[in-house]
């Protein structure tokens, strides 16, 4: 597949048709190489969350009222003459202040982009109004935000970035609405392509630590919205859940119209939508991602021709730390995504 770039070697541990890819010669960003001082998937995953030095951002918050009476908080960083508007979508337990969002927001804004960092329902620290939660397949709010931005800024291109759960949501949206999802470009990082397999992986080994932290965040959010959920779900089961599948069975599925967790996972996994994506899309993924197994990665023939998949042996989950020494602010992910968007804006200057 030409959109995967120049492939450097076969890897016998990969699913059928998947190869480890590198950036092709048209890219000015070097292929990702894991920092010597940050080896292994867990350090790659944890370092940017716990120790990355980030600039202070001045967000301007907008409360965006939704058609169903609920709202989302959108945090903007404006630019006087923007090249494009970049919508940033956080992952599970994240928000506009998450390190990976702040780092990319700063880099893109410096490069001439206006930033719209989406806090999904209930993620900004304020309980939402309706008995709904954001989840991996809840594309309605993203679709509404993009339509609103297109109405307000008719001449400004739009690009989108999604991380983890937000990446799954973005890819699903692109595949659900291939004709009207006419954004200039998209990027998705560390995507759980198959939600059921990801839930199983998070319940094994050291990954249980990540599961425990994320579940704790979900339960805290649930307690804040206890009044909204009362009588609609089994609150006690949700608050006692020890794994994602139990939590999704107790809360996510019944609250959002799914029969159970398996129904939710089957309907919302983005892997089934990839072949329908028409917008230029960059997918960045690491084979050592501790949130999922290698089998979660799609085969090459599942990607549409509009997708470029940069798949690397190492990098962790939303990690990809490559700086020469600890404490340096450089992040390969931010450089790669910014470069990809810059390239697409030049290639498709008269479209979108």
C-alpha atoms as a PDB file:
ATOM      1  CA  UNK A   1       0.000   0.000   0.000  1.00  0.00           C
ATOM      2  CA  UNK A   2       1.618   3.209  -1.124  1.00  0.00           C
ATOM      3  CA  UNK A   3       0.287   5.271   1.802  1.00  0.00           C
ATOM      4  CA  UNK A   4       2.318   3.243   4.284  1.00  0.00           C
ATOM      5  CA  UNK A   5       5.505   4.744   2.905  1.00  0.00           C
ATOM      6  CA  UNK A   6       8.774   2.950   2.376  1.00  0.00           C
ATOM      7  CA  UNK A   7       8.852  -0.296   4.342  1.00  0.00           C
ATOM      8  CA  UNK A   8      12.143  -1.452   5.719  1.00  0.00           C
ATOM      9  CA  UNK A   9      11.684  -5.033   6.821  1.00  0.00           C
ATOM     10  CA  UNK A  10       9.255  -7.846   7.445  1.00  0.00           C
ATOM     11  CA  UNK A  11       8.510  -8.696  11.070  1.00  0.00           C
ATOM     12  CA  UNK A  12       7.464 -12.285  11.626  1.00  0.00           C
ATOM     13  CA  UNK A  13       5.619 -11.345  14.818  1.00  0.00           C
ATOM     14  CA  UNK A  14       3.112  -9.188  12.953  1.00  0.00           C
ATOM     15  CA  UNK A  15      -0.339 -10.066  11.631  1.00  0.00           C
ATOM     16  CA  UNK A  16      -0.657 -11.052   7.982  1.00  0.00           C
ATOM     17  CA  UNK A  17       0.353  -8.242   5.654  1.00  0.00           C
ATOM     18  CA  UNK A  18       1.606  -5.814   8.329  1.00  0.00           C
ATOM     19  CA  UNK A  19       5.140  -4.502   8.080  1.00  0.00           C
ATOM     20  CA  UNK A  20       7.130  -2.105  10.196  1.00  0.00           C
ATOM     21  CA  UNK A  21       7.037   1.171   8.281  1.00  0.00           C
ATOM     22  CA  UNK A  22       9.292   4.192   8.229  1.00  0.00           C
ATOM     23  CA  UNK A  23       8.829   7.736   7.004  1.00  0.00           C
ATOM     24  CA  UNK A  24       9.518   7.972   3.257  1.00  0.00           C
ATOM     25  CA  UNK A  25      12.033  10.276   1.627  1.00  0.00           C
ATOM     26  CA  UNK A  26       9.516  13.121   1.250  1.00  0.00           C
ATOM     27  CA  UNK A  27       9.421  13.542   5.028  1.00  0.00           C
ATOM     28  CA  UNK A  28      11.725  15.926   6.867  1.00  0.00           C
ATOM     29  CA  UNK A  29      10.983  14.279  10.225  1.00  0.00           C
ATOM     30  CA  UNK A  30      13.344  11.415  10.996  1.00  0.00           C
ATOM     31  CA  UNK A  31      11.790   7.963  11.550  1.00  0.00           C
ATOM     32  CA  UNK A  32      11.044   7.396  15.206  1.00  0.00           C
ATOM     33  CA  UNK A  33      13.881   5.945  17.268  1.00  0.00           C
ATOM     34  CA  UNK A  34      13.256   5.329  20.943  1.00  0.00           C
ATOM     35  CA  UNK A  35      15.398   7.422  23.318  1.00  0.00           C
ATOM     36  CA  UNK A  36      18.234   5.396  24.815  1.00  0.00           C
ATOM     37  CA  UNK A  37      17.346   6.605  28.314  1.00  0.00           C
ATOM     38  CA  UNK A  38      13.650   5.751  27.888  1.00  0.00           C
ATOM     39  CA  UNK A  39      13.617   2.073  26.893  1.00  0.00           C
ATOM     40  CA  UNK A  40      10.627  -0.237  26.968  1.00  0.00           C
ATOM     41  CA  UNK A  41       6.925   0.387  26.452  1.00  0.00           C
ATOM     42  CA  UNK A  42       6.133   1.416  30.015  1.00  0.00           C
ATOM     43  CA  UNK A  43       8.764   4.160  30.311  1.00  0.00           C
ATOM     44  CA  UNK A  44       7.746   5.419  26.876  1.00  0.00           C
ATOM     45  CA  UNK A  45       4.123   5.510  28.056  1.00  0.00           C
ATOM     46  CA  UNK A  46       4.676   7.033  31.491  1.00  0.00           C
ATOM     47  CA  UNK A  47       7.459   9.570  30.926  1.00  0.00           C
ATOM     48  CA  UNK A  48       5.466  12.111  28.864  1.00  0.00           C
ATOM     49  CA  UNK A  49       2.556  11.875  31.300  1.00  0.00           C
ATOM     50  CA  UNK A  50       4.617  12.364  34.451  1.00  0.00           C
ATOM     51  CA  UNK A  51       7.790  14.239  33.573  1.00  0.00           C
ATOM     52  CA  UNK A  52       7.499  16.079  30.283  1.00  0.00           C
ATOM     53  CA  UNK A  53       8.172  19.806  30.563  1.00  0.00           C
ATOM     54  CA  UNK A  54       5.406  21.788  28.908  1.00  0.00           C
ATOM     55  CA  UNK A  55       4.754  25.473  28.245  1.00  0.00           C
ATOM     56  CA  UNK A  56       1.846  27.209  29.930  1.00  0.00           C
ATOM     57  CA  UNK A  57      -1.085  27.728  27.609  1.00  0.00           C
ATOM     58  CA  UNK A  58      -3.736  30.415  27.688  1.00  0.00           C
ATOM     59  CA  UNK A  59      -6.941  28.717  26.682  1.00  0.00           C
ATOM     60  CA  UNK A  60     -10.121  30.652  26.019  1.00  0.00           C
ATOM     61  CA  UNK A  61     -13.045  28.418  26.946  1.00  0.00           C
ATOM     62  CA  UNK A  62     -16.240  28.177  24.956  1.00  0.00           C
ATOM     63  CA  UNK A  63     -19.286  26.329  26.257  1.00  0.00           C
ATOM     64  CA  UNK A  64     -20.759  24.698  23.176  1.00  0.00           C
ATOM     65  CA  UNK A  65     -24.422  23.818  23.649  1.00  0.00           C
ATOM     66  CA  UNK A  66     -25.405  20.587  21.923  1.00  0.00           C
ATOM     67  CA  UNK A  67     -28.646  19.738  20.109  1.00  0.00           C
ATOM     68  CA  UNK A  68     -29.792  17.358  22.879  1.00  0.00           C
ATOM     69  CA  UNK A  69     -29.499  20.040  25.605  1.00  0.00           C
ATOM     70  CA  UNK A  70     -26.095  18.970  26.895  1.00  0.00           C
ATOM     71  CA  UNK A  71     -22.789  20.801  26.361  1.00  0.00           C
ATOM     72  CA  UNK A  72     -19.084  20.321  25.780  1.00  0.00           C
ATOM     73  CA  UNK A  73     -16.280  22.692  26.742  1.00  0.00           C
ATOM     74  CA  UNK A  74     -13.968  23.680  23.888  1.00  0.00           C
ATOM     75  CA  UNK A  75     -10.673  25.364  24.785  1.00  0.00           C
ATOM     76  CA  UNK A  76      -9.337  27.667  22.093  1.00  0.00           C
ATOM     77  CA  UNK A  77      -5.920  29.130  21.384  1.00  0.00           C
ATOM     78  CA  UNK A  78      -6.378  31.754  18.708  1.00  0.00           C
ATOM     79  CA  UNK A  79      -4.072  32.895  15.948  1.00  0.00           C
ATOM     80  CA  UNK A  80      -4.401  36.153  14.011  1.00  0.00           C
ATOM     81  CA  UNK A  81      -3.859  34.556  10.598  1.00  0.00           C
ATOM     82  CA  UNK A  82      -4.291  30.797  10.989  1.00  0.00           C
ATOM     83  CA  UNK A  83      -3.238  28.295   8.354  1.00  0.00           C
ATOM     84  CA  UNK A  84      -5.926  25.957   9.660  1.00  0.00           C
ATOM     85  CA  UNK A  85      -8.004  25.126  12.713  1.00  0.00           C
ATOM     86  CA  UNK A  86      -6.739  22.047  14.558  1.00  0.00           C
ATOM     87  CA  UNK A  87      -9.287  20.118  16.619  1.00  0.00           C
ATOM     88  CA  UNK A  88      -7.574  18.043  19.326  1.00  0.00           C
ATOM     89  CA  UNK A  89      -9.404  15.070  20.867  1.00  0.00           C
ATOM     90  CA  UNK A  90      -8.180  13.555  24.133  1.00  0.00           C
ATOM     91  CA  UNK A  91      -8.216   9.921  25.207  1.00  0.00           C
ATOM     92  CA  UNK A  92      -9.949   8.090  28.052  1.00  0.00           C
ATOM     93  CA  UNK A  93      -9.551  10.000  31.305  1.00  0.00           C
ATOM     94  CA  UNK A  94      -8.005  12.939  29.456  1.00  0.00           C
ATOM     95  CA  UNK A  95      -8.947  16.549  28.772  1.00  0.00           C
ATOM     96  CA  UNK A  96      -7.544  19.707  27.186  1.00  0.00           C
ATOM     97  CA  UNK A  97      -4.912  19.961  29.939  1.00  0.00           C
ATOM     98  CA  UNK A  98      -3.450  16.497  29.328  1.00  0.00           C
ATOM     99  CA  UNK A  99       0.278  16.682  28.516  1.00  0.00           C
ATOM    100  CA  UNK A 100      -0.067  15.201  25.030  1.00  0.00           C
ATOM    101  CA  UNK A 101      -2.789  17.737  24.137  1.00  0.00           C
ATOM    102  CA  UNK A 102      -0.869  20.693  25.566  1.00  0.00           C
ATOM    103  CA  UNK A 103       2.363  19.716  23.831  1.00  0.00           C
ATOM    104  CA  UNK A 104       0.786  19.417  20.402  1.00  0.00           C
ATOM    105  CA  UNK A 105      -1.379  22.510  20.940  1.00  0.00           C
ATOM    106  CA  UNK A 106       1.729  24.597  21.616  1.00  0.00           C
ATOM    107  CA  UNK A 107       3.630  23.258  18.616  1.00  0.00           C
ATOM    108  CA  UNK A 108       0.731  23.640  16.188  1.00  0.00           C
ATOM    109  CA  UNK A 109      -0.138  27.119  17.434  1.00  0.00           C
ATOM    110  CA  UNK A 110       3.489  28.184  17.052  1.00  0.00           C
ATOM    111  CA  UNK A 111       3.343  26.815  13.488  1.00  0.00           C
ATOM    112  CA  UNK A 112       0.326  28.982  12.660  1.00  0.00           C
ATOM    113  CA  UNK A 113      -2.704  26.904  13.637  1.00  0.00           C
ATOM    114  CA  UNK A 114      -5.738  27.997  15.642  1.00  0.00           C
ATOM    115  CA  UNK A 115      -6.423  25.349  18.313  1.00  0.00           C
ATOM    116  CA  UNK A 116      -9.780  23.936  19.397  1.00  0.00           C
ATOM    117  CA  UNK A 117      -9.143  21.410  22.181  1.00  0.00           C
ATOM    118  CA  UNK A 118     -12.316  19.415  22.772  1.00  0.00           C
ATOM    119  CA  UNK A 119     -13.244  18.324  26.283  1.00  0.00           C
ATOM    120  CA  UNK A 120     -15.752  15.544  25.752  1.00  0.00           C
ATOM    121  CA  UNK A 121     -18.914  15.339  27.875  1.00  0.00           C
ATOM    122  CA  UNK A 122     -18.022  15.456  31.551  1.00  0.00           C
ATOM    123  CA  UNK A 123     -14.256  15.570  30.883  1.00  0.00           C
ATOM    124  CA  UNK A 124     -13.641  19.237  31.701  1.00  0.00           C
ATOM    125  CA  UNK A 125     -14.314  18.831  35.423  1.00  0.00           C
ATOM    126  CA  UNK A 126     -17.950  19.953  35.310  1.00  0.00           C
ATOM    127  CA  UNK A 127     -20.807  17.451  35.329  1.00  0.00           C
ATOM    128  CA  UNK A 128     -22.728  17.443  32.076  1.00  0.00           C
ATOM    129  CA  UNK A 129     -26.499  18.020  31.949  1.00  0.00           C
ATOM    130  CA  UNK A 130     -27.722  14.820  30.348  1.00  0.00           C
ATOM    131  CA  UNK A 131     -27.385  11.185  31.482  1.00  0.00           C
ATOM    132  CA  UNK A 132     -24.831  10.408  28.782  1.00  0.00           C
ATOM    133  CA  UNK A 133     -21.103   9.764  28.794  1.00  0.00           C
ATOM    134  CA  UNK A 134     -18.484  10.087  26.117  1.00  0.00           C
ATOM    135  CA  UNK A 135     -17.230   6.790  24.769  1.00  0.00           C
ATOM    136  CA  UNK A 136     -15.150   5.337  21.933  1.00  0.00           C
ATOM    137  CA  UNK A 137     -17.954   5.586  19.383  1.00  0.00           C
ATOM    138  CA  UNK A 138     -19.772   8.775  20.405  1.00  0.00           C
ATOM    139  CA  UNK A 139     -19.124  10.694  17.188  1.00  0.00           C
ATOM    140  CA  UNK A 140     -22.189  12.965  17.305  1.00  0.00           C
ATOM    141  CA  UNK A 141     -20.543  15.693  19.380  1.00  0.00           C
ATOM    142  CA  UNK A 142     -17.418  15.776  17.213  1.00  0.00           C
ATOM    143  CA  UNK A 143     -19.586  15.978  14.099  1.00  0.00           C
ATOM    144  CA  UNK A 144     -21.559  18.878  15.584  1.00  0.00           C
ATOM    145  CA  UNK A 145     -18.391  20.747  16.608  1.00  0.00           C
ATOM    146  CA  UNK A 146     -16.905  20.412  13.127  1.00  0.00           C
ATOM    147  CA  UNK A 147     -20.118  21.629  11.489  1.00  0.00           C
ATOM    148  CA  UNK A 148     -20.193  24.635  13.810  1.00  0.00           C
ATOM    149  CA  UNK A 149     -16.573  25.506  13.042  1.00  0.00           C
ATOM    150  CA  UNK A 150     -17.155  25.172   9.308  1.00  0.00           C
ATOM    151  CA  UNK A 151     -20.112  27.549   9.597  1.00  0.00           C
ATOM    152  CA  UNK A 152     -18.140  30.156  11.529  1.00  0.00           C
ATOM    153  CA  UNK A 153     -14.849  29.939   9.640  1.00  0.00           C
ATOM    154  CA  UNK A 154     -15.876  29.108   6.106  1.00  0.00           C
ATOM    155  CA  UNK A 155     -12.516  29.904   4.518  1.00  0.00           C
ATOM    156  CA  UNK A 156     -10.277  28.176   7.066  1.00  0.00           C
ATOM    157  CA  UNK A 157      -9.292  24.510   6.595  1.00  0.00           C
ATOM    158  CA  UNK A 158      -9.839  22.047   9.441  1.00  0.00           C
ATOM    159  CA  UNK A 159      -7.511  19.298  10.640  1.00  0.00           C
ATOM    160  CA  UNK A 160      -8.189  16.835  13.475  1.00  0.00           C
ATOM    161  CA  UNK A 161      -6.036  14.804  15.849  1.00  0.00           C
ATOM    162  CA  UNK A 162      -7.274  12.017  18.130  1.00  0.00           C
ATOM    163  CA  UNK A 163      -5.349  10.112  20.778  1.00  0.00           C
ATOM    164  CA  UNK A 164      -6.193   6.573  21.922  1.00  0.00           C
ATOM    165  CA  UNK A 165      -9.982   6.551  22.553  1.00  0.00           C
ATOM    166  CA  UNK A 166     -10.127   9.918  20.772  1.00  0.00           C
ATOM    167  CA  UNK A 167      -8.279   8.362  17.833  1.00  0.00           C
ATOM    168  CA  UNK A 168     -10.793   5.525  17.633  1.00  0.00           C
ATOM    169  CA  UNK A 169     -13.619   8.062  17.729  1.00  0.00           C
ATOM    170  CA  UNK A 170     -12.017  10.174  14.991  1.00  0.00           C
ATOM    171  CA  UNK A 171     -11.394   7.227  12.658  1.00  0.00           C
ATOM    172  CA  UNK A 172     -14.920   5.953  13.216  1.00  0.00           C
ATOM    173  CA  UNK A 173     -16.319   9.405  12.360  1.00  0.00           C
ATOM    174  CA  UNK A 174     -14.213   9.579   9.197  1.00  0.00           C
ATOM    175  CA  UNK A 175     -15.472   6.164   8.108  1.00  0.00           C
ATOM    176  CA  UNK A 176     -19.079   6.749   9.107  1.00  0.00           C
ATOM    177  CA  UNK A 177     -19.395   9.917   7.071  1.00  0.00           C
ATOM    178  CA  UNK A 178     -16.839   9.524   4.246  1.00  0.00           C
ATOM    179  CA  UNK A 179     -18.649  11.898   1.903  1.00  0.00           C
ATOM    180  CA  UNK A 180     -19.227  14.747   4.347  1.00  0.00           C
ATOM    181  CA  UNK A 181     -16.132  14.297   6.513  1.00  0.00           C
ATOM    182  CA  UNK A 182     -14.284  16.724   4.284  1.00  0.00           C
ATOM    183  CA  UNK A 183     -11.645  17.946   6.634  1.00  0.00           C
ATOM    184  CA  UNK A 184      -8.248  18.728   5.189  1.00  0.00           C
ATOM    185  CA  UNK A 185      -6.386  16.018   7.123  1.00  0.00           C
ATOM    186  CA  UNK A 186      -6.507  13.833  10.233  1.00  0.00           C
ATOM    187  CA  UNK A 187      -4.057  12.070  12.526  1.00  0.00           C
ATOM    188  CA  UNK A 188      -4.779   9.254  14.987  1.00  0.00           C
ATOM    189  CA  UNK A 189      -2.283   8.037  17.594  1.00  0.00           C
ATOM    190  CA  UNK A 190      -2.156   4.754  19.572  1.00  0.00           C
ATOM    191  CA  UNK A 191      -5.644   3.697  18.504  1.00  0.00           C
ATOM    192  CA  UNK A 192      -7.423   0.707  20.145  1.00  0.00           C
ATOM    193  CA  UNK A 193      -8.644  -0.640  16.804  1.00  0.00           C
ATOM    194  CA  UNK A 194     -10.534  -3.516  18.484  1.00  0.00           C
ATOM    195  CA  UNK A 195     -12.072  -2.451  21.787  1.00  0.00           C
ATOM    196  CA  UNK A 196     -12.822  -5.923  23.107  1.00  0.00           C
ATOM    197  CA  UNK A 197      -9.253  -7.124  22.613  1.00  0.00           C
ATOM    198  CA  UNK A 198      -7.970  -3.938  24.196  1.00  0.00           C
ATOM    199  CA  UNK A 199     -10.184  -4.463  27.256  1.00  0.00           C
ATOM    200  CA  UNK A 200      -8.781  -7.995  27.594  1.00  0.00           C
ATOM    201  CA  UNK A 201      -5.181  -6.801  27.247  1.00  0.00           C
ATOM    202  CA  UNK A 202      -5.652  -4.144  29.925  1.00  0.00           C
ATOM    203  CA  UNK A 203      -6.603  -6.893  32.365  1.00  0.00           C
ATOM    204  CA  UNK A 204      -3.239  -8.662  32.113  1.00  0.00           C
ATOM    205  CA  UNK A 205       0.189  -8.072  33.638  1.00  0.00           C
ATOM    206  CA  UNK A 206       1.498  -4.567  34.285  1.00  0.00           C
ATOM    207  CA  UNK A 207      -1.293  -3.155  32.131  1.00  0.00           C
ATOM    208  CA  UNK A 208      -3.608  -3.720  35.092  1.00  0.00           C
ATOM    209  CA  UNK A 209      -1.941  -0.669  36.652  1.00  0.00           C
ATOM    210  CA  UNK A 210      -3.107   1.499  33.757  1.00  0.00           C
ATOM    211  CA  UNK A 211      -6.549  -0.057  33.987  1.00  0.00           C
ATOM    212  CA  UNK A 212      -6.747   0.681  37.710  1.00  0.00           C
ATOM    213  CA  UNK A 213      -5.802   4.350  37.177  1.00  0.00           C
ATOM    214  CA  UNK A 214      -8.234   4.877  34.310  1.00  0.00           C
ATOM    215  CA  UNK A 215     -11.059   3.110  36.146  1.00  0.00           C
ATOM    216  CA  UNK A 216     -10.408   5.262  39.209  1.00  0.00           C
ATOM    217  CA  UNK A 217     -10.808   8.373  37.042  1.00  0.00           C
ATOM    218  CA  UNK A 218     -14.015   7.020  35.508  1.00  0.00           C
ATOM    219  CA  UNK A 219     -15.446   6.199  38.922  1.00  0.00           C
ATOM    220  CA  UNK A 220     -14.624   9.670  40.252  1.00  0.00           C
ATOM    221  CA  UNK A 221     -16.448  11.189  37.289  1.00  0.00           C
ATOM    222  CA  UNK A 222     -19.366   8.827  37.890  1.00  0.00           C
ATOM    223  CA  UNK A 223     -19.659   9.926  41.518  1.00  0.00           C
ATOM    224  CA  UNK A 224     -19.809  13.570  40.422  1.00  0.00           C
ATOM    225  CA  UNK A 225     -22.730  12.705  38.161  1.00  0.00           C
ATOM    226  CA  UNK A 226     -24.438  10.253  40.474  1.00  0.00           C
ATOM    227  CA  UNK A 227     -27.662  12.290  40.396  1.00  0.00           C
ATOM    228  CA  UNK A 228     -27.877  12.062  36.610  1.00  0.00           C
ATOM    229  CA  UNK A 229     -27.347   8.316  36.544  1.00  0.00           C
ATOM    230  CA  UNK A 230     -29.510   7.287  39.485  1.00  0.00           C
ATOM    231  CA  UNK A 231     -32.193   4.814  38.466  1.00  0.00           C
ATOM    232  CA  UNK A 232     -30.797   4.411  34.954  1.00  0.00           C
ATOM    233  CA  UNK A 233     -27.880   2.064  35.622  1.00  0.00           C
ATOM    234  CA  UNK A 234     -26.521  -0.211  38.321  1.00  0.00           C
ATOM    235  CA  UNK A 235     -24.390   2.421  40.027  1.00  0.00           C
ATOM    236  CA  UNK A 236     -23.084   0.039  42.661  1.00  0.00           C
ATOM    237  CA  UNK A 237     -21.816  -2.385  40.006  1.00  0.00           C
ATOM    238  CA  UNK A 238     -20.152   0.439  38.075  1.00  0.00           C
ATOM    239  CA  UNK A 239     -18.378   1.803  41.159  1.00  0.00           C
ATOM    240  CA  UNK A 240     -17.212  -1.665  42.203  1.00  0.00           C
ATOM    241  CA  UNK A 241     -15.995  -2.705  38.744  1.00  0.00           C
ATOM    242  CA  UNK A 242     -12.450  -4.052  38.729  1.00  0.00           C
ATOM    243  CA  UNK A 243     -11.998  -4.194  34.954  1.00  0.00           C
ATOM    244  CA  UNK A 244     -13.158  -2.286  31.908  1.00  0.00           C
ATOM    245  CA  UNK A 245     -15.551  -4.972  30.710  1.00  0.00           C
ATOM    246  CA  UNK A 246     -17.404  -4.889  34.037  1.00  0.00           C
ATOM    247  CA  UNK A 247     -17.582  -1.078  34.000  1.00  0.00           C
ATOM    248  CA  UNK A 248     -18.777  -0.983  30.413  1.00  0.00           C
ATOM    249  CA  UNK A 249     -21.426  -3.619  31.146  1.00  0.00           C
ATOM    250  CA  UNK A 250     -22.669  -1.659  34.152  1.00  0.00           C
ATOM    251  CA  UNK A 251     -22.467   1.924  32.853  1.00  0.00           C
ATOM    252  CA  UNK A 252     -21.181   2.640  29.348  1.00  0.00           C
ATOM    253  CA  UNK A 253     -23.408   0.175  27.504  1.00  0.00           C
ATOM    254  CA  UNK A 254     -26.803   0.726  29.188  1.00  0.00           C
ATOM    255  CA  UNK A 255     -26.356   4.497  29.443  1.00  0.00           C
ATOM    256  CA  UNK A 256     -25.604   4.842  25.745  1.00  0.00           C
ATOM    257  CA  UNK A 257     -28.072   2.434  24.173  1.00  0.00           C
ATOM    258  CA  UNK A 258     -25.999  -0.751  23.888  1.00  0.00           C
ATOM    259  CA  UNK A 259     -27.173  -4.172  25.049  1.00  0.00           C
ATOM    260  CA  UNK A 260     -23.908  -4.932  26.859  1.00  0.00           C
ATOM    261  CA  UNK A 261     -20.163  -4.365  26.660  1.00  0.00           C
ATOM    262  CA  UNK A 262     -19.721  -6.782  23.759  1.00  0.00           C
ATOM    263  CA  UNK A 263     -22.388  -4.951  21.755  1.00  0.00           C
ATOM    264  CA  UNK A 264     -20.649  -1.646  22.497  1.00  0.00           C
ATOM    265  CA  UNK A 265     -17.227  -2.982  21.510  1.00  0.00           C
ATOM    266  CA  UNK A 266     -18.539  -4.519  18.280  1.00  0.00           C
ATOM    267  CA  UNK A 267     -20.409  -1.404  17.173  1.00  0.00           C
ATOM    268  CA  UNK A 268     -17.756   1.171  18.103  1.00  0.00           C
ATOM    269  CA  UNK A 269     -14.405  -0.397  17.193  1.00  0.00           C
ATOM    270  CA  UNK A 270     -12.970   1.728  14.394  1.00  0.00           C
ATOM    271  CA  UNK A 271     -11.202  -1.099  12.544  1.00  0.00           C
ATOM    272  CA  UNK A 272     -14.340  -1.901  10.540  1.00  0.00           C
ATOM    273  CA  UNK A 273     -14.507   1.703   9.239  1.00  0.00           C
ATOM    274  CA  UNK A 274     -10.939   2.120   7.996  1.00  0.00           C
ATOM    275  CA  UNK A 275     -11.567   1.006   4.405  1.00  0.00           C
ATOM    276  CA  UNK A 276     -14.175   3.758   3.957  1.00  0.00           C
ATOM    277  CA  UNK A 277     -12.029   6.733   4.990  1.00  0.00           C
ATOM    278  CA  UNK A 278     -11.537   9.275   2.196  1.00  0.00           C
ATOM    279  CA  UNK A 279      -9.831  12.160   4.012  1.00  0.00           C
ATOM    280  CA  UNK A 280      -5.993  12.123   4.127  1.00  0.00           C
ATOM    281  CA  UNK A 281      -5.229  10.393   7.421  1.00  0.00           C
ATOM    282  CA  UNK A 282      -2.038   9.574   9.290  1.00  0.00           C
ATOM    283  CA  UNK A 283      -2.092   6.690  11.775  1.00  0.00           C
ATOM    284  CA  UNK A 284       0.847   6.381  14.185  1.00  0.00           C
ATOM    285  CA  UNK A 285       1.120   3.199  16.193  1.00  0.00           C
ATOM    286  CA  UNK A 286       3.631   1.202  18.209  1.00  0.00           C
ATOM    287  CA  UNK A 287       3.710  -2.596  18.244  1.00  0.00           C
ATOM    288  CA  UNK A 288       4.805  -2.623  21.901  1.00  0.00           C
ATOM    289  CA  UNK A 289       1.792  -0.537  23.011  1.00  0.00           C
ATOM    290  CA  UNK A 290       0.952  -1.959  26.477  1.00  0.00           C
ATOM    291  CA  UNK A 291      -2.748  -1.159  26.006  1.00  0.00           C
ATOM    292  CA  UNK A 292      -3.237  -3.736  23.245  1.00  0.00           C
ATOM    293  CA  UNK A 293      -1.781  -6.725  21.443  1.00  0.00           C
ATOM    294  CA  UNK A 294      -0.157  -6.893  18.014  1.00  0.00           C
ATOM    295  CA  UNK A 295      -3.250  -8.708  16.710  1.00  0.00           C
ATOM    296  CA  UNK A 296      -5.219  -5.513  17.247  1.00  0.00           C
ATOM    297  CA  UNK A 297      -3.324  -3.829  14.390  1.00  0.00           C
ATOM    298  CA  UNK A 298      -5.238  -4.045  11.078  1.00  0.00           C
ATOM    299  CA  UNK A 299      -3.805  -5.822   8.060  1.00  0.00           C
ATOM    300  CA  UNK A 300      -2.538  -3.602   5.263  1.00  0.00           C
ATOM    301  CA  UNK A 301      -5.490  -4.306   2.988  1.00  0.00           C
ATOM    302  CA  UNK A 302      -7.902  -2.984   5.632  1.00  0.00           C
ATOM    303  CA  UNK A 303      -6.600   0.574   5.218  1.00  0.00           C
ATOM    304  CA  UNK A 304      -8.100   2.780   2.523  1.00  0.00           C
ATOM    305  CA  UNK A 305      -5.786   4.450   0.017  1.00  0.00           C
ATOM    306  CA  UNK A 306      -6.243   7.722   1.928  1.00  0.00           C
ATOM    307  CA  UNK A 307      -4.535   6.330   5.033  1.00  0.00           C
ATOM    308  CA  UNK A 308      -0.836   6.415   5.738  1.00  0.00           C
ATOM    309  CA  UNK A 309       0.091   4.043   8.564  1.00  0.00           C
ATOM    310  CA  UNK A 310       3.400   4.667  10.349  1.00  0.00           C
ATOM    311  CA  UNK A 311       3.846   1.567  12.492  1.00  0.00           C
ATOM    312  CA  UNK A 312       6.960   1.156  14.610  1.00  0.00           C
ATOM    313  CA  UNK A 313       8.359  -1.644  16.799  1.00  0.00           C
ATOM    314  CA  UNK A 314       8.659   0.652  19.835  1.00  0.00           C
ATOM    315  CA  UNK A 315       7.014   3.761  21.223  1.00  0.00           C
ATOM    316  CA  UNK A 316       4.605   2.698  23.971  1.00  0.00           C
ATOM    317  CA  UNK A 317       1.139   4.226  24.259  1.00  0.00           C
ATOM    318  CA  UNK A 318       1.062   7.897  23.187  1.00  0.00           C
ATOM    319  CA  UNK A 319       4.778   7.943  23.951  1.00  0.00           C
ATOM    320  CA  UNK A 320       7.287   8.140  21.095  1.00  0.00           C
ATOM    321  CA  UNK A 321       9.954   9.917  23.158  1.00  0.00           C
ATOM    322  CA  UNK A 322      13.148  10.395  21.140  1.00  0.00           C
ATOM    323  CA  UNK A 323      15.048  13.248  22.799  1.00  0.00           C
ATOM    324  CA  UNK A 324      18.786  12.739  23.335  1.00  0.00           C
ATOM    325  CA  UNK A 325      18.659  13.416  27.062  1.00  0.00           C
ATOM    326  CA  UNK A 326      15.968  13.470  29.805  1.00  0.00           C
ATOM    327  CA  UNK A 327      14.275  16.808  30.268  1.00  0.00           C
ATOM    328  CA  UNK A 328      14.568  17.992  26.677  1.00  0.00           C
ATOM    329  CA  UNK A 329      11.239  19.254  25.385  1.00  0.00           C
ATOM    330  CA  UNK A 330      11.350  17.640  21.944  1.00  0.00           C
ATOM    331  CA  UNK A 331       8.633  15.130  21.135  1.00  0.00           C
ATOM    332  CA  UNK A 332       8.689  13.153  17.892  1.00  0.00           C
ATOM    333  CA  UNK A 333       4.885  12.837  17.813  1.00  0.00           C
ATOM    334  CA  UNK A 334       4.350  16.594  17.814  1.00  0.00           C
ATOM    335  CA  UNK A 335       6.923  17.101  15.066  1.00  0.00           C
ATOM    336  CA  UNK A 336       5.517  14.325  12.891  1.00  0.00           C
ATOM    337  CA  UNK A 337       1.874  15.414  13.159  1.00  0.00           C
ATOM    338  CA  UNK A 338       2.696  19.072  12.501  1.00  0.00           C
ATOM    339  CA  UNK A 339       4.761  18.153   9.458  1.00  0.00           C
ATOM    340  CA  UNK A 340       2.017  15.909   8.096  1.00  0.00           C
ATOM    341  CA  UNK A 341      -0.579  18.660   8.394  1.00  0.00           C
ATOM    342  CA  UNK A 342       1.763  21.221   6.834  1.00  0.00           C
ATOM    343  CA  UNK A 343       2.309  18.886   3.898  1.00  0.00           C
ATOM    344  CA  UNK A 344      -1.401  18.238   3.396  1.00  0.00           C
ATOM    345  CA  UNK A 345      -2.224  21.927   3.504  1.00  0.00           C
ATOM    346  CA  UNK A 346       0.237  22.494   0.668  1.00  0.00           C
ATOM    347  CA  UNK A 347      -0.908  19.462  -1.348  1.00  0.00           C
ATOM    348  CA  UNK A 348      -4.624  20.227  -1.011  1.00  0.00           C
ATOM    349  CA  UNK A 349      -4.512  24.019  -0.897  1.00  0.00           C
ATOM    350  CA  UNK A 350      -7.601  24.370  -3.114  1.00  0.00           C
ATOM    351  CA  UNK A 351      -9.774  21.663  -1.515  1.00  0.00           C
ATOM    352  CA  UNK A 352     -11.434  20.881   1.831  1.00  0.00           C
END
